[in-house]
Amino acid sequence: MIGKLFWIALTVVFTFGFIVLFENGPTDYVQNCQAEFAQVKTYFNTPPKKKADTSDKLQ
């Protein structure tokens, strides 16, 4: 069980690193990692927005 969690975590870390490298290149890698991590945090911390459904209104 711990071994599987280790490999999943390692895969997530290396995937994140590859995405940062692929999108931004090797220049300023640490700053790009911090910016990308902040973007991921805001993605998961924002509550979902519900669209207004006009069909439920009474007339």
N, C-alpha and C. Protein backbone atom coordinates (compact mmCIF):
# COMPACT_ATOMS: atom_id res chain seq x y z
N MET A 1 0.82 -1.19 0.00
CA MET A 1 0.00 0.00 0.00
C MET A 1 0.87 1.26 0.00
N ILE A 2 1.88 1.29 0.86
CA ILE A 2 2.75 2.46 0.92
C ILE A 2 3.56 2.58 -0.37
N GLY A 3 3.92 1.45 -0.93
CA GLY A 3 4.65 1.47 -2.20
C GLY A 3 3.83 2.07 -3.33
N LYS A 4 2.54 1.72 -3.39
CA LYS A 4 1.67 2.28 -4.42
C LYS A 4 1.51 3.78 -4.25
N LEU A 5 1.32 4.22 -2.99
CA LEU A 5 1.20 5.65 -2.73
C LEU A 5 2.48 6.40 -3.12
N PHE A 6 3.62 5.78 -2.85
CA PHE A 6 4.89 6.37 -3.24
C PHE A 6 4.97 6.55 -4.75
N TRP A 7 4.61 5.53 -5.51
CA TRP A 7 4.69 5.62 -6.97
C TRP A 7 3.68 6.60 -7.55
N ILE A 8 2.51 6.69 -6.94
CA ILE A 8 1.51 7.67 -7.40
C ILE A 8 2.02 9.08 -7.14
N ALA A 9 2.56 9.32 -5.94
CA ALA A 9 3.09 10.64 -5.61
C ALA A 9 4.27 11.00 -6.52
N LEU A 10 5.12 10.04 -6.77
CA LEU A 10 6.27 10.28 -7.64
C LEU A 10 5.82 10.61 -9.06
N THR A 11 4.80 9.92 -9.54
CA THR A 11 4.26 10.19 -10.87
C THR A 11 3.66 11.59 -10.96
N VAL A 12 2.95 12.00 -9.91
CA VAL A 12 2.35 13.34 -9.90
C VAL A 12 3.44 14.41 -9.90
N VAL A 13 4.48 14.21 -9.10
CA VAL A 13 5.56 15.20 -9.03
C VAL A 13 6.29 15.30 -10.36
N PHE A 14 6.63 14.19 -10.97
CA PHE A 14 7.35 14.24 -12.24
C PHE A 14 6.47 14.76 -13.38
N THR A 15 5.18 14.46 -13.33
CA THR A 15 4.27 15.01 -14.33
C THR A 15 4.17 16.52 -14.21
N PHE A 16 4.07 17.02 -12.98
CA PHE A 16 4.03 18.46 -12.76
C PHE A 16 5.31 19.11 -13.27
N GLY A 17 6.45 18.52 -12.96
CA GLY A 17 7.72 19.07 -13.42
C GLY A 17 7.83 19.07 -14.93
N PHE A 18 7.35 18.02 -15.58
CA PHE A 18 7.40 17.95 -17.03
C PHE A 18 6.48 19.00 -17.65
N ILE A 19 5.31 19.20 -17.06
CA ILE A 19 4.37 20.18 -17.61
C ILE A 19 4.97 21.58 -17.52
N VAL A 20 5.59 21.90 -16.39
CA VAL A 20 6.22 23.21 -16.24
C VAL A 20 7.34 23.37 -17.26
N LEU A 21 8.14 22.36 -17.42
CA LEU A 21 9.24 22.41 -18.38
C LEU A 21 8.73 22.52 -19.80
N PHE A 22 7.67 21.80 -20.14
CA PHE A 22 7.14 21.81 -21.49
C PHE A 22 6.47 23.14 -21.83
N GLU A 23 5.75 23.72 -20.87
CA GLU A 23 5.02 24.96 -21.15
C GLU A 23 5.92 26.19 -21.13
N ASN A 24 6.92 26.22 -20.24
CA ASN A 24 7.69 27.44 -20.03
C ASN A 24 9.15 27.36 -20.44
N GLY A 25 9.66 26.17 -20.62
CA GLY A 25 11.06 26.02 -20.98
C GLY A 25 11.95 26.00 -19.74
N PRO A 26 13.25 25.81 -19.94
CA PRO A 26 14.15 25.66 -18.79
C PRO A 26 14.58 26.97 -18.12
N THR A 27 14.30 28.11 -18.72
CA THR A 27 14.71 29.37 -18.10
C THR A 27 13.76 29.72 -16.96
N ASP A 28 14.30 30.17 -15.85
CA ASP A 28 13.55 30.54 -14.65
C ASP A 28 12.62 29.41 -14.21
N TYR A 29 13.17 28.22 -14.11
CA TYR A 29 12.36 27.03 -13.82
C TYR A 29 11.70 27.10 -12.44
N VAL A 30 12.42 27.59 -11.45
CA VAL A 30 11.88 27.64 -10.09
C VAL A 30 10.73 28.63 -10.01
N GLN A 31 10.89 29.78 -10.62
CA GLN A 31 9.81 30.78 -10.63
C GLN A 31 8.60 30.26 -11.40
N ASN A 32 8.85 29.56 -12.49
CA ASN A 32 7.74 28.98 -13.25
C ASN A 32 7.02 27.90 -12.46
N CYS A 33 7.77 27.11 -11.67
CA CYS A 33 7.14 26.09 -10.82
C CYS A 33 6.26 26.75 -9.77
N GLN A 34 6.74 27.83 -9.17
CA GLN A 34 5.96 28.52 -8.16
C GLN A 34 4.69 29.11 -8.75
N ALA A 35 4.80 29.71 -9.94
CA ALA A 35 3.63 30.29 -10.59
C ALA A 35 2.62 29.21 -10.97
N GLU A 36 3.11 28.10 -11.48
CA GLU A 36 2.21 27.00 -11.88
C GLU A 36 1.54 26.37 -10.66
N PHE A 37 2.28 26.24 -9.56
CA PHE A 37 1.71 25.69 -8.34
C PHE A 37 0.63 26.61 -7.77
N ALA A 38 0.87 27.92 -7.85
CA ALA A 38 -0.14 28.88 -7.39
C ALA A 38 -1.39 28.77 -8.26
N GLN A 39 -1.21 28.56 -9.55
CA GLN A 39 -2.34 28.40 -10.45
C GLN A 39 -3.13 27.12 -10.13
N VAL A 40 -2.43 26.06 -9.81
CA VAL A 40 -3.10 24.80 -9.44
C VAL A 40 -3.86 24.97 -8.13
N LYS A 41 -3.26 25.68 -7.16
CA LYS A 41 -3.93 25.92 -5.89
C LYS A 41 -5.21 26.72 -6.07
N THR A 42 -5.18 27.74 -6.90
CA THR A 42 -6.39 28.54 -7.12
C THR A 42 -7.44 27.73 -7.86
N TYR A 43 -7.01 26.83 -8.72
CA TYR A 43 -7.97 25.99 -9.44
C TYR A 43 -8.74 25.08 -8.48
N PHE A 44 -8.05 24.52 -7.50
CA PHE A 44 -8.69 23.60 -6.57
C PHE A 44 -9.36 24.30 -5.39
N ASN A 45 -9.00 25.55 -5.11
CA ASN A 45 -9.57 26.26 -3.97
C ASN A 45 -10.81 27.09 -4.31
N THR A 46 -11.05 27.37 -5.58
CA THR A 46 -12.22 28.17 -5.93
C THR A 46 -13.45 27.28 -5.95
N PRO A 47 -14.55 27.75 -5.34
CA PRO A 47 -15.78 26.95 -5.36
C PRO A 47 -16.40 26.98 -6.76
N PRO A 48 -17.08 25.92 -7.13
CA PRO A 48 -17.70 25.89 -8.45
C PRO A 48 -18.83 26.91 -8.54
N LYS A 49 -18.96 27.51 -9.70
CA LYS A 49 -20.02 28.50 -9.92
C LYS A 49 -21.17 27.82 -10.64
N LYS A 50 -22.36 28.01 -10.10
CA LYS A 50 -23.54 27.44 -10.73
C LYS A 50 -24.14 28.45 -11.69
N LYS A 51 -24.55 27.96 -12.84
CA LYS A 51 -25.20 28.82 -13.81
C LYS A 51 -26.64 29.06 -13.36
N ALA A 52 -27.12 30.25 -13.63
CA ALA A 52 -28.50 30.56 -13.28
C ALA A 52 -29.43 29.83 -14.23
N ASP A 53 -30.33 29.05 -13.65
CA ASP A 53 -31.28 28.28 -14.44
C ASP A 53 -32.60 29.06 -14.48
N THR A 54 -32.93 29.56 -15.65
CA THR A 54 -34.14 30.39 -15.77
C THR A 54 -35.39 29.55 -15.87
N SER A 55 -35.29 28.26 -16.06
CA SER A 55 -36.48 27.42 -16.21
C SER A 55 -37.17 27.14 -14.88
N ASP A 56 -36.50 27.42 -13.76
CA ASP A 56 -37.07 27.13 -12.45
C ASP A 56 -37.90 28.28 -11.87
N LYS A 57 -37.96 29.38 -12.55
CA LYS A 57 -38.66 30.55 -12.03
C LYS A 57 -40.17 30.40 -12.22
N LEU A 58 -40.90 30.81 -11.21
CA LEU A 58 -42.38 30.82 -11.29
C LEU A 58 -42.83 32.11 -11.96
N GLN A 59 -43.85 31.98 -12.79
CA GLN A 59 -44.34 33.19 -13.47
C GLN A 59 -45.78 33.43 -13.13
